[in-house]
Amino acid sequence: MRRTRCQSVIALLLGSAAIAPIAWGFRTGPSSGYSGGPLGGSANCTECHGMNQGTGGIELQGAPLRYRPSAIYELTIRAADPDQLGAGFEISAEGSGSHRGTFSLSDPERTQFANGFDPDYVTHNLTGVEDSIAQWSNNGGAYEYHLRWQAPAMPAGNFTFFVAGMAIDDSNTPNADHYYRTYARSRPAVAGDLDGDGDVDLFDGAASLSCHDQDVTGLADGCAHADVDGDTLVTLDDWADFAPLLAGPTSPIPAGYALADAVRGGQLYDRWWRVIGAPTPTGNHPLYPLSGVQNGSVTFRCKECHGWDYKGVDGQYGTGSHATGITGIFGTELSSRAIFELLKGDPKVVPNGHNMINLGMSEGDVWDAVRFTLEGVVDTDTYIDAGGSFTGDPDFGGFTYFGTCFSCHGEEGKDINFGTAQNPSYVGTIADENPWEFLHKVRFGDPGTPMASTALLGYSAAGDRNVGTFAQTLPNE
């Protein structure tokens, strides 16, 4: 049986001459590589604490959507859980196989570099955890950790902040702690590009008028990009520097699309209300056909009409209990703007309008769904044959499974039951019975749970096919 990283650490501790309670090892901060990022093999708090989840969450505040060279950003990690008593965390910034930027400790009393010296990972320390416990109830069941990140001196491509955290019950054991994760993507900024559409034009100039005389210190986006000369103040000097940057005409790519997140869109496609924290919908979606046999919240799921294979009536949902006669989204020829208007639109005004704004989505949520539709959808026939078998390599898939999935799902994929005690469903069950759903959830995660997205970790759909091939060798009951 494979030994987890946590078991190896515990074995080392038990072999030491002086042994402290293992729980204190967690309180004093995890080792490097437990933020959930790919450079740590996607390892996270569940390596030692288990895969419990509560009704709270963890969020990263202050991370820039578009980073400026050498800019310094004040970050806040906020953990909340009404049923717990304190919290800890680990964060990293990773992209294309390396760490990005430089972390520093704005609150060294409560935070530290992992292992005491590794600046690529910042974690809580013992004082931080104890203070979180002391302040938890006064803060309404929440606590904030503060740190600082400086962008690379030169543009270094796109990257992702990975954050893993635990809300703890203060029992000095890991058994009842709750695991949460989050992420934030960032890309290089274009000086003067306030609206994020990739060019500098008169729209940006008009937007920068409201930024005049503003100190942009600490701002992650917006007016921060009007500070063309980088002196932290938006002045007439920036206007002088702004004019040569004009590159018009305005990019045909809408700003909302340029800033959208296809991975988050993939989760919205599954159960959008879990992603945005909205109440579970009731009744049937207005566009769900009267001929359909499903009812209730399931009719509001994008996958229910368009299918896990994204092909709707032309795919797996062409017949059976999920058949609706509705076309899929794979290979759509609609523009990003047309899809946005379709998802946003009131059906009384826009034919087949999905009315998602009135159902609770923001425009940013809709753009995430649009970007998933145009960039996240794949031809599942490339990875799954007509009989429902994945066409990958089980050996490579097993290597990935034991490096990424094992700590939560176990050696046989049965540590988490997705069904009921009477009708259990495990990793092998889903891989066998609905490989298209399996592939989607592996790529984008399971909304409302701590399950990570392999697309976010930098894995390809072709690599996920190998995981699916291995998963179909696991027990399905």
Protein backbone atom coordinates (compact mmCIF):
# COMPACT_ATOMS: atom_id res chain seq x y z
CA MET A 1 0.00 0.00 0.00
CA ARG A 2 1.23 3.48 -0.90
CA ARG A 3 2.40 5.58 2.02
CA THR A 4 1.14 9.16 2.06
CA ARG A 5 3.41 12.12 2.69
CA CYS A 6 1.74 12.60 6.06
CA GLN A 7 2.37 8.99 7.07
CA SER A 8 6.02 9.42 6.17
CA VAL A 9 6.27 12.54 8.31
CA ILE A 10 4.53 10.84 11.22
CA ALA A 11 6.84 7.84 10.93
CA LEU A 12 9.81 10.18 11.09
CA LEU A 13 8.40 11.88 14.18
CA LEU A 14 7.77 8.57 15.91
CA GLY A 15 11.38 7.62 15.26
CA SER A 16 12.68 10.77 16.92
CA ALA A 17 14.05 10.85 20.41
CA ALA A 18 11.77 13.69 21.46
CA ILE A 19 8.15 13.28 20.40
CA ALA A 20 5.59 16.08 20.59
CA PRO A 21 1.87 15.49 20.03
CA ILE A 22 1.35 15.17 16.28
CA ALA A 23 -1.47 17.74 16.29
CA TRP A 24 1.00 20.41 17.38
CA GLY A 25 2.92 19.75 14.16
CA PHE A 26 -0.15 20.94 12.28
CA ARG A 27 -0.59 23.99 14.48
CA THR A 28 2.96 25.12 13.96
CA GLY A 29 2.43 25.04 10.19
CA PRO A 30 2.58 22.46 7.39
CA SER A 31 5.70 21.70 5.40
CA SER A 32 6.27 23.03 1.88
CA GLY A 33 4.06 21.75 -0.90
CA TYR A 34 0.66 21.45 0.78
CA SER A 35 -1.13 24.37 -0.90
CA GLY A 36 -2.84 22.13 -3.46
CA GLY A 37 -0.63 23.38 -6.32
CA PRO A 38 0.90 21.14 -8.98
CA LEU A 39 4.49 21.74 -7.81
CA GLY A 40 3.58 19.93 -4.61
CA GLY A 41 1.86 17.13 -6.50
CA SER A 42 -1.50 18.76 -5.57
CA ALA A 43 -0.92 17.69 -1.95
CA ASN A 44 -3.02 19.61 0.56
CA CYS A 45 -4.28 19.55 4.13
CA THR A 46 -6.22 16.32 3.55
CA GLU A 47 -2.95 14.38 3.49
CA CYS A 48 -3.06 14.59 7.28
CA HIS A 49 -6.46 15.95 8.28
CA GLY A 50 -8.86 13.93 6.12
CA MET A 51 -11.50 15.06 3.64
CA ASN A 52 -14.14 16.53 5.96
CA GLN A 53 -16.10 19.53 4.72
CA GLY A 54 -18.31 21.95 6.58
CA THR A 55 -20.58 24.86 5.74
CA GLY A 56 -17.82 27.47 5.67
CA GLY A 57 -15.07 28.29 3.20
CA ILE A 58 -11.79 30.02 2.54
CA GLU A 59 -11.19 33.01 0.25
CA LEU A 60 -8.20 34.93 -1.07
CA GLN A 61 -8.63 38.70 -1.18
CA GLY A 62 -6.38 41.22 -2.94
CA ALA A 63 -4.96 38.92 -5.62
CA PRO A 64 -4.57 40.79 -8.92
CA LEU A 65 -6.43 39.63 -12.00
CA ARG A 66 -3.61 41.33 -13.95
CA TYR A 67 -0.29 41.83 -12.24
CA ARG A 68 2.06 44.73 -12.95
CA PRO A 69 5.84 44.13 -12.94
CA SER A 70 7.35 44.50 -9.46
CA ALA A 71 4.00 45.68 -8.01
CA ILE A 72 3.38 44.73 -4.38
CA TYR A 73 -0.01 43.32 -3.42
CA GLU A 74 -1.44 42.97 0.06
CA LEU A 75 -3.19 39.59 0.32
CA THR A 76 -5.73 38.44 2.88
CA ILE A 77 -6.72 34.83 3.47
CA ARG A 78 -10.05 34.62 5.26
CA ALA A 79 -11.34 31.34 6.67
CA ALA A 80 -14.86 31.01 8.04
CA ASP A 81 -16.86 28.14 9.50
CA PRO A 82 -19.68 28.55 12.04
CA ASP A 83 -19.11 25.07 13.43
CA GLN A 84 -15.37 25.34 14.08
CA LEU A 85 -13.07 27.29 16.40
CA GLY A 86 -9.97 28.35 14.44
CA ALA A 87 -8.08 28.00 11.15
CA GLY A 88 -4.75 27.51 9.37
CA PHE A 89 -3.62 27.73 5.73
CA GLU A 90 -0.88 27.41 3.11
CA ILE A 91 -0.51 29.45 -0.10
CA SER A 92 1.71 29.31 -3.19
CA ALA A 93 1.86 31.08 -6.58
CA GLU A 94 2.61 28.68 -9.44
CA GLY A 95 2.67 28.65 -13.23
CA SER A 96 4.31 26.64 -16.02
CA GLY A 97 6.31 24.46 -13.68
CA SER A 98 7.77 27.13 -11.40
CA HIS A 99 6.85 29.51 -8.58
CA ARG A 100 5.90 33.07 -9.46
CA GLY A 101 6.76 36.30 -7.71
CA THR A 102 7.98 36.74 -4.15
CA PHE A 103 6.06 36.34 -0.90
CA SER A 104 6.96 38.35 2.18
CA LEU A 105 5.58 38.36 5.70
CA SER A 106 3.57 41.46 6.54
CA ASP A 107 2.52 39.73 9.78
CA PRO A 108 5.48 37.60 10.92
CA GLU A 109 3.91 37.18 14.35
CA ARG A 110 1.13 34.99 12.91
CA THR A 111 2.50 33.73 9.59
CA GLN A 112 5.74 32.14 8.42
CA PHE A 113 7.51 30.64 5.44
CA ALA A 114 6.93 26.89 5.25
CA ASN A 115 9.60 24.87 7.05
CA GLY A 116 10.68 28.20 8.51
CA PHE A 117 12.68 29.19 5.43
CA ASP A 118 10.92 28.29 2.15
CA PRO A 119 9.65 31.59 0.64
CA ASP A 120 7.64 29.82 -2.06
CA TYR A 121 5.03 28.80 0.53
CA VAL A 122 3.50 30.87 3.34
CA THR A 123 1.60 29.21 6.18
CA HIS A 124 0.17 29.93 9.61
CA ASN A 125 2.33 29.48 12.69
CA LEU A 126 1.46 28.43 16.22
CA THR A 127 0.74 32.00 17.36
CA GLY A 128 -1.51 32.51 14.35
CA VAL A 129 -3.61 29.43 15.08
CA GLU A 130 -3.89 30.31 18.77
CA ASP A 131 -4.93 33.86 17.89
CA SER A 132 -7.50 32.52 15.42
CA ILE A 133 -9.00 30.45 18.24
CA ALA A 134 -9.00 33.42 20.60
CA GLN A 135 -10.63 35.74 18.04
CA TRP A 136 -12.92 33.26 16.28
CA SER A 137 -16.20 33.92 18.06
CA ASN A 138 -15.63 37.70 18.16
CA ASN A 139 -15.15 37.63 14.38
CA GLY A 140 -18.38 35.74 13.77
CA GLY A 141 -16.71 32.38 13.28
CA ALA A 142 -13.92 33.61 11.01
CA TYR A 143 -10.30 34.73 10.96
CA GLU A 144 -7.98 36.58 8.57
CA TYR A 145 -4.31 36.05 7.83
CA HIS A 146 -2.34 38.79 6.08
CA LEU A 147 0.71 38.53 3.84
CA ARG A 148 2.35 40.29 0.92
CA TRP A 149 3.27 39.23 -2.63
CA GLN A 150 5.47 41.07 -5.12
CA ALA A 151 5.06 40.41 -8.84
CA PRO A 152 8.06 39.40 -10.96
CA ALA A 153 10.18 42.28 -12.28
CA MET A 154 9.32 41.21 -15.83
CA PRO A 155 6.08 39.68 -17.17
CA ALA A 156 6.25 35.96 -16.42
CA GLY A 157 3.12 34.62 -18.09
CA ASN A 158 -0.08 33.42 -16.49
CA PHE A 159 -0.07 31.73 -13.10
CA THR A 160 -2.36 30.71 -10.24
CA PHE A 161 -2.46 31.38 -6.50
CA PHE A 162 -3.31 28.11 -4.73
CA VAL A 163 -4.70 28.22 -1.18
CA ALA A 164 -5.51 25.23 1.04
CA GLY A 165 -6.84 25.66 4.55
CA MET A 166 -8.44 23.98 7.53
CA ALA A 167 -11.10 25.17 9.93
CA ILE A 168 -10.30 23.32 13.16
CA ASP A 169 -12.32 22.18 16.17
CA ASP A 170 -9.48 22.80 18.70
CA SER A 171 -9.38 19.16 19.81
CA ASN A 172 -5.66 18.67 19.04
CA THR A 173 -6.66 15.88 16.62
CA PRO A 174 -7.31 16.09 12.86
CA ASN A 175 -10.45 13.96 12.85
CA ALA A 176 -13.16 16.65 12.88
CA ASP A 177 -11.37 19.47 11.05
CA HIS A 178 -12.90 20.88 7.86
CA TYR A 179 -10.90 21.26 4.63
CA TYR A 180 -11.38 24.16 2.20
CA ARG A 181 -9.51 25.35 -0.87
CA THR A 182 -9.59 28.24 -3.30
CA TYR A 183 -7.54 29.69 -6.13
CA ALA A 184 -7.07 32.93 -8.07
CA ARG A 185 -5.62 33.27 -11.55
CA SER A 186 -3.49 36.17 -12.69
CA ARG A 187 -1.93 37.28 -15.96
CA PRO A 188 0.44 40.08 -17.00
CA ALA A 189 -1.11 43.53 -17.21
CA VAL A 190 -0.92 45.79 -20.24
CA ALA A 191 -0.06 49.30 -19.04
CA GLY A 192 -3.01 51.61 -19.62
CA ASP A 193 -5.47 48.76 -20.29
CA LEU A 194 -8.07 49.52 -17.62
CA ASP A 195 -10.89 47.42 -19.04
CA GLY A 196 -8.79 44.28 -19.57
CA ASP A 197 -9.62 43.75 -23.23
CA GLY A 198 -5.96 43.45 -24.22
CA ASP A 199 -5.52 46.78 -26.00
CA VAL A 200 -5.22 50.44 -24.99
CA ASP A 201 -7.85 52.65 -26.57
CA LEU A 202 -10.06 55.67 -25.91
CA PHE A 203 -12.34 53.63 -23.68
CA ASP A 204 -9.40 53.12 -21.35
CA GLY A 205 -8.62 56.82 -21.54
CA ALA A 206 -12.18 57.71 -20.56
CA ALA A 207 -12.09 55.22 -17.69
CA SER A 208 -8.83 56.67 -16.39
CA LEU A 209 -10.41 60.12 -15.93
CA SER A 210 -12.01 58.93 -12.69
CA CYS A 211 -8.58 57.85 -11.45
CA HIS A 212 -6.89 61.27 -11.63
CA ASP A 213 -4.95 62.22 -8.47
CA GLN A 214 -5.62 58.81 -6.97
CA ASP A 215 -2.98 56.89 -5.01
CA VAL A 216 -3.14 53.34 -6.35
CA THR A 217 -0.93 51.81 -3.64
CA GLY A 218 -2.42 48.45 -2.69
CA LEU A 219 -4.91 48.35 -5.57
CA ALA A 220 -4.91 45.08 -7.48
CA ASP A 221 -6.86 46.21 -10.54
CA GLY A 222 -8.90 49.10 -11.97
CA CYS A 223 -7.12 52.42 -11.52
CA ALA A 224 -3.88 50.56 -10.79
CA HIS A 225 -3.47 50.18 -14.56
CA ALA A 226 -3.88 53.94 -15.11
CA ASP A 227 -0.57 54.45 -13.27
CA VAL A 228 1.46 54.09 -16.46
CA ASP A 229 4.76 55.42 -15.05
CA GLY A 230 4.56 53.26 -11.92
CA ASP A 231 4.97 56.00 -9.30
CA THR A 232 1.74 54.92 -7.47
CA LEU A 233 -0.06 58.20 -8.37
CA VAL A 234 -2.29 58.84 -11.38
CA THR A 235 -1.25 62.28 -12.62
CA LEU A 236 -0.83 64.31 -15.83
CA ASP A 237 2.48 62.51 -16.32
CA ASP A 238 0.51 59.29 -16.83
CA TRP A 239 -1.64 61.03 -19.41
CA ALA A 240 1.51 62.01 -21.30
CA ASP A 241 2.70 58.40 -21.18
CA PHE A 242 -0.75 57.11 -22.04
CA ALA A 243 -1.05 58.68 -25.49
CA PRO A 244 1.74 56.65 -27.17
CA LEU A 245 0.14 53.44 -25.86
CA LEU A 246 -3.07 53.92 -27.83
CA ALA A 247 -3.31 50.90 -30.08
CA GLY A 248 -7.02 50.97 -31.15
CA PRO A 249 -9.34 49.94 -32.46
CA THR A 250 -11.03 48.33 -29.49
CA SER A 251 -10.36 44.61 -29.35
CA PRO A 252 -13.24 42.48 -30.66
CA ILE A 253 -12.83 40.30 -27.56
CA PRO A 254 -15.12 41.68 -24.82
CA ALA A 255 -13.36 42.59 -21.58
CA GLY A 256 -15.62 40.25 -19.63
CA TYR A 257 -14.48 37.34 -21.76
CA ALA A 258 -10.81 38.27 -21.48
CA LEU A 259 -11.07 38.19 -17.68
CA ALA A 260 -13.27 35.09 -17.46
CA ASP A 261 -12.25 31.74 -15.94
CA ALA A 262 -13.05 28.64 -18.01
CA VAL A 263 -12.39 26.29 -15.07
CA ARG A 264 -14.97 28.07 -12.92
CA GLY A 265 -17.27 27.98 -15.94
CA GLY A 266 -16.92 24.21 -16.03
CA GLN A 267 -18.13 24.05 -12.46
CA LEU A 268 -21.05 26.36 -13.27
CA TYR A 269 -22.01 23.95 -16.06
CA ASP A 270 -22.40 21.23 -13.42
CA ARG A 271 -24.30 22.96 -10.56
CA TRP A 272 -24.00 26.74 -10.90
CA TRP A 273 -25.85 27.55 -7.68
CA ARG A 274 -23.28 25.72 -5.59
CA VAL A 275 -20.49 27.74 -7.18
CA ILE A 276 -22.08 31.16 -6.60
CA GLY A 277 -23.61 30.31 -3.21
CA ALA A 278 -27.21 30.75 -4.39
CA PRO A 279 -30.22 28.82 -3.03
CA THR A 280 -31.04 25.58 -4.80
CA PRO A 281 -33.55 26.39 -7.56
CA THR A 282 -37.11 25.12 -7.21
CA GLY A 283 -39.63 24.15 -9.84
CA ASN A 284 -38.49 23.50 -13.41
CA HIS A 285 -36.32 25.71 -15.59
CA PRO A 286 -38.55 27.64 -18.04
CA LEU A 287 -36.66 26.22 -21.01
CA TYR A 288 -36.87 22.61 -19.85
CA PRO A 289 -39.23 20.86 -22.31
CA LEU A 290 -42.60 19.53 -21.20
CA SER A 291 -41.63 16.20 -22.77
CA GLY A 292 -38.73 15.79 -20.33
CA VAL A 293 -39.07 13.35 -17.44
CA GLN A 294 -36.80 15.14 -14.95
CA ASN A 295 -38.06 17.75 -12.51
CA GLY A 296 -36.82 20.15 -9.86
CA SER A 297 -33.35 21.60 -9.49
CA VAL A 298 -31.78 19.07 -11.89
CA THR A 299 -33.55 20.86 -14.77
CA PHE A 300 -31.50 23.98 -13.99
CA ARG A 301 -28.18 22.19 -14.53
CA CYS A 302 -26.58 23.02 -17.90
CA LYS A 303 -25.51 19.41 -18.29
CA GLU A 304 -29.12 18.23 -18.04
CA CYS A 305 -29.97 19.53 -21.51
CA HIS A 306 -26.53 19.71 -23.15
CA GLY A 307 -25.08 16.51 -21.67
CA TRP A 308 -21.85 15.52 -19.97
CA ASP A 309 -20.46 14.95 -23.46
CA TYR A 310 -21.65 18.47 -24.44
CA LYS A 311 -23.53 17.08 -27.49
CA GLY A 312 -27.12 17.18 -26.27
CA VAL A 313 -29.55 15.39 -28.58
CA ASP A 314 -26.62 14.22 -30.73
CA GLY A 315 -24.86 12.50 -27.84
CA GLN A 316 -25.51 10.35 -24.79
CA TYR A 317 -28.61 12.37 -23.86
CA GLY A 318 -30.20 11.75 -27.26
CA THR A 319 -32.29 8.97 -25.71
CA GLY A 320 -33.24 7.78 -22.25
CA SER A 321 -34.39 9.55 -19.10
CA HIS A 322 -32.27 12.63 -19.78
CA ALA A 323 -33.39 13.17 -23.37
CA THR A 324 -34.71 16.67 -24.07
CA GLY A 325 -34.21 17.09 -27.82
CA ILE A 326 -32.00 20.12 -27.16
CA THR A 327 -28.77 20.61 -29.10
CA GLY A 328 -25.36 20.53 -27.44
CA ILE A 329 -22.73 23.22 -27.03
CA PHE A 330 -19.84 21.30 -28.61
CA GLY A 331 -18.67 23.00 -31.79
CA THR A 332 -20.94 26.02 -31.40
CA GLU A 333 -20.41 28.73 -34.01
CA LEU A 334 -21.90 31.48 -31.84
CA SER A 335 -19.63 34.34 -30.84
CA SER A 336 -18.73 34.99 -27.21
CA ARG A 337 -21.06 37.99 -27.16
CA ALA A 338 -23.94 35.98 -28.66
CA ILE A 339 -23.54 33.21 -26.06
CA PHE A 340 -23.38 35.83 -23.29
CA GLU A 341 -26.62 37.44 -24.45
CA LEU A 342 -28.28 34.02 -24.75
CA LEU A 343 -27.35 32.99 -21.20
CA LYS A 344 -28.13 36.39 -19.72
CA GLY A 345 -31.24 37.23 -21.71
CA ASP A 346 -34.85 37.30 -20.58
CA PRO A 347 -36.74 34.74 -22.73
CA LYS A 348 -39.47 37.34 -23.23
CA VAL A 349 -36.93 39.47 -25.09
CA VAL A 350 -34.23 37.07 -26.32
CA PRO A 351 -35.42 33.87 -28.03
CA ASN A 352 -34.37 30.92 -25.84
CA GLY A 353 -32.86 33.35 -23.34
CA HIS A 354 -31.70 31.46 -20.24
CA ASN A 355 -32.42 34.36 -17.85
CA MET A 356 -29.40 33.45 -15.69
CA ILE A 357 -28.97 36.98 -14.35
CA ASN A 358 -32.43 36.92 -12.82
CA LEU A 359 -31.75 33.44 -11.48
CA GLY A 360 -28.77 34.73 -9.48
CA MET A 361 -25.69 34.78 -11.69
CA SER A 362 -23.61 37.93 -12.07
CA GLU A 363 -22.32 39.06 -15.46
CA GLY A 364 -18.89 37.76 -14.41
CA ASP A 365 -20.43 34.32 -13.74
CA VAL A 366 -22.03 34.33 -17.19
CA TRP A 367 -18.73 35.23 -18.85
CA ASP A 368 -17.07 32.31 -17.01
CA ALA A 369 -19.71 30.00 -18.51
CA VAL A 370 -19.12 31.52 -21.95
CA ARG A 371 -15.37 30.97 -21.77
CA PHE A 372 -15.89 27.37 -20.70
CA THR A 373 -18.20 26.85 -23.67
CA LEU A 374 -15.65 28.16 -26.15
CA GLU A 375 -12.39 26.97 -24.56
CA GLY A 376 -13.17 24.25 -22.01
CA VAL A 377 -15.41 21.94 -24.03
CA VAL A 378 -13.66 19.00 -25.71
CA ASP A 379 -14.75 16.26 -28.09
CA THR A 380 -15.23 13.41 -25.61
CA ASP A 381 -15.16 10.87 -28.47
CA THR A 382 -11.40 11.49 -28.53
CA TYR A 383 -11.08 10.03 -25.02
CA ILE A 384 -14.03 7.64 -24.62
CA ASP A 385 -15.05 5.02 -27.19
CA ALA A 386 -18.58 4.20 -28.34
CA GLY A 387 -18.86 1.49 -25.69
CA GLY A 388 -18.06 3.86 -22.83
CA SER A 389 -14.47 2.74 -22.25
CA PHE A 390 -11.68 5.25 -21.73
CA THR A 391 -8.95 4.86 -24.36
CA GLY A 392 -5.93 5.77 -22.23
CA ASP A 393 -3.07 4.02 -20.46
CA PRO A 394 -4.05 2.58 -17.05
CA ASP A 395 -0.44 2.57 -15.82
CA PHE A 396 0.01 6.29 -16.43
CA GLY A 397 -3.46 6.85 -15.01
CA GLY A 398 -2.60 4.93 -11.87
CA PHE A 399 0.50 7.04 -11.38
CA THR A 400 -1.61 10.20 -11.52
CA TYR A 401 -4.34 8.70 -9.32
CA PHE A 402 -1.95 7.75 -6.53
CA GLY A 403 -0.22 11.12 -6.77
CA THR A 404 -3.34 13.29 -6.79
CA CYS A 405 -6.55 11.40 -5.95
CA PHE A 406 -5.45 8.72 -3.50
CA SER A 407 -5.36 10.83 -0.34
CA CYS A 408 -9.10 11.51 -0.55
CA HIS A 409 -10.55 8.55 -2.44
CA GLY A 410 -8.33 5.77 -1.11
CA GLU A 411 -6.52 2.89 -2.75
CA GLU A 412 -9.68 1.35 -4.23
CA GLY A 413 -11.55 4.62 -4.79
CA LYS A 414 -14.08 3.77 -2.08
CA ASP A 415 -13.20 6.17 0.75
CA ILE A 416 -15.90 8.60 -0.42
CA ASN A 417 -19.40 7.30 -1.18
CA PHE A 418 -21.21 9.54 -3.68
CA GLY A 419 -24.41 7.53 -3.30
CA THR A 420 -26.23 6.10 -0.29
CA ALA A 421 -25.57 3.21 2.06
CA GLN A 422 -28.18 1.15 0.18
CA ASN A 423 -26.97 2.23 -3.27
CA PRO A 424 -23.29 3.22 -2.98
CA SER A 425 -21.37 4.97 -5.74
CA TYR A 426 -17.60 5.19 -5.85
CA VAL A 427 -14.87 6.38 -8.22
CA GLY A 428 -15.04 3.10 -10.13
CA THR A 429 -18.83 3.23 -10.27
CA ILE A 430 -18.95 6.63 -11.96
CA ALA A 431 -16.07 5.78 -14.29
CA ASP A 432 -17.96 2.67 -15.46
CA GLU A 433 -21.53 3.97 -15.54
CA ASN A 434 -20.97 7.52 -16.76
CA PRO A 435 -17.43 8.06 -18.05
CA TRP A 436 -18.45 11.40 -19.60
CA GLU A 437 -19.46 12.75 -16.19
CA PHE A 438 -16.28 11.29 -14.72
CA LEU A 439 -14.12 13.10 -17.28
CA HIS A 440 -15.88 16.43 -16.68
CA LYS A 441 -15.57 16.22 -12.89
CA VAL A 442 -11.92 15.20 -13.04
CA ARG A 443 -11.19 18.16 -15.32
CA PHE A 444 -13.17 20.79 -13.42
CA GLY A 445 -13.84 19.43 -9.92
CA ASP A 446 -17.12 18.79 -8.14
CA PRO A 447 -18.82 22.11 -7.23
CA GLY A 448 -19.53 22.61 -3.55
CA THR A 449 -16.83 20.13 -2.50
CA PRO A 450 -13.06 20.45 -1.94
CA MET A 451 -12.32 18.33 -5.04
CA ALA A 452 -9.58 20.00 -7.09
CA SER A 453 -9.65 20.58 -10.85
CA THR A 454 -6.98 18.87 -12.93
CA ALA A 455 -7.40 21.61 -15.56
CA LEU A 456 -6.38 24.10 -12.89
CA LEU A 457 -3.41 21.92 -11.96
CA GLY A 458 -2.22 22.01 -15.56
CA TYR A 459 -3.24 18.47 -16.58
CA SER A 460 -4.64 17.87 -20.06
CA ALA A 461 -7.83 16.05 -21.04
CA ALA A 462 -5.59 13.42 -22.64
CA GLY A 463 -3.91 12.85 -19.28
CA ASP A 464 -7.29 12.69 -17.55
CA ARG A 465 -8.27 9.96 -20.02
CA ASN A 466 -5.50 7.85 -18.47
CA VAL A 467 -6.99 8.45 -15.01
CA GLY A 468 -10.36 7.34 -16.34
CA THR A 469 -8.84 4.18 -17.82
CA PHE A 470 -7.29 3.34 -14.46
CA ALA A 471 -10.51 4.20 -12.59
CA GLN A 472 -12.43 1.70 -14.69
CA THR A 473 -10.22 -1.03 -13.15
CA LEU A 474 -11.35 -0.07 -9.62
CA PRO A 475 -14.25 -1.74 -7.77
CA ASN A 476 -17.62 -0.29 -8.70
CA GLU A 477 -19.60 -1.62 -5.75
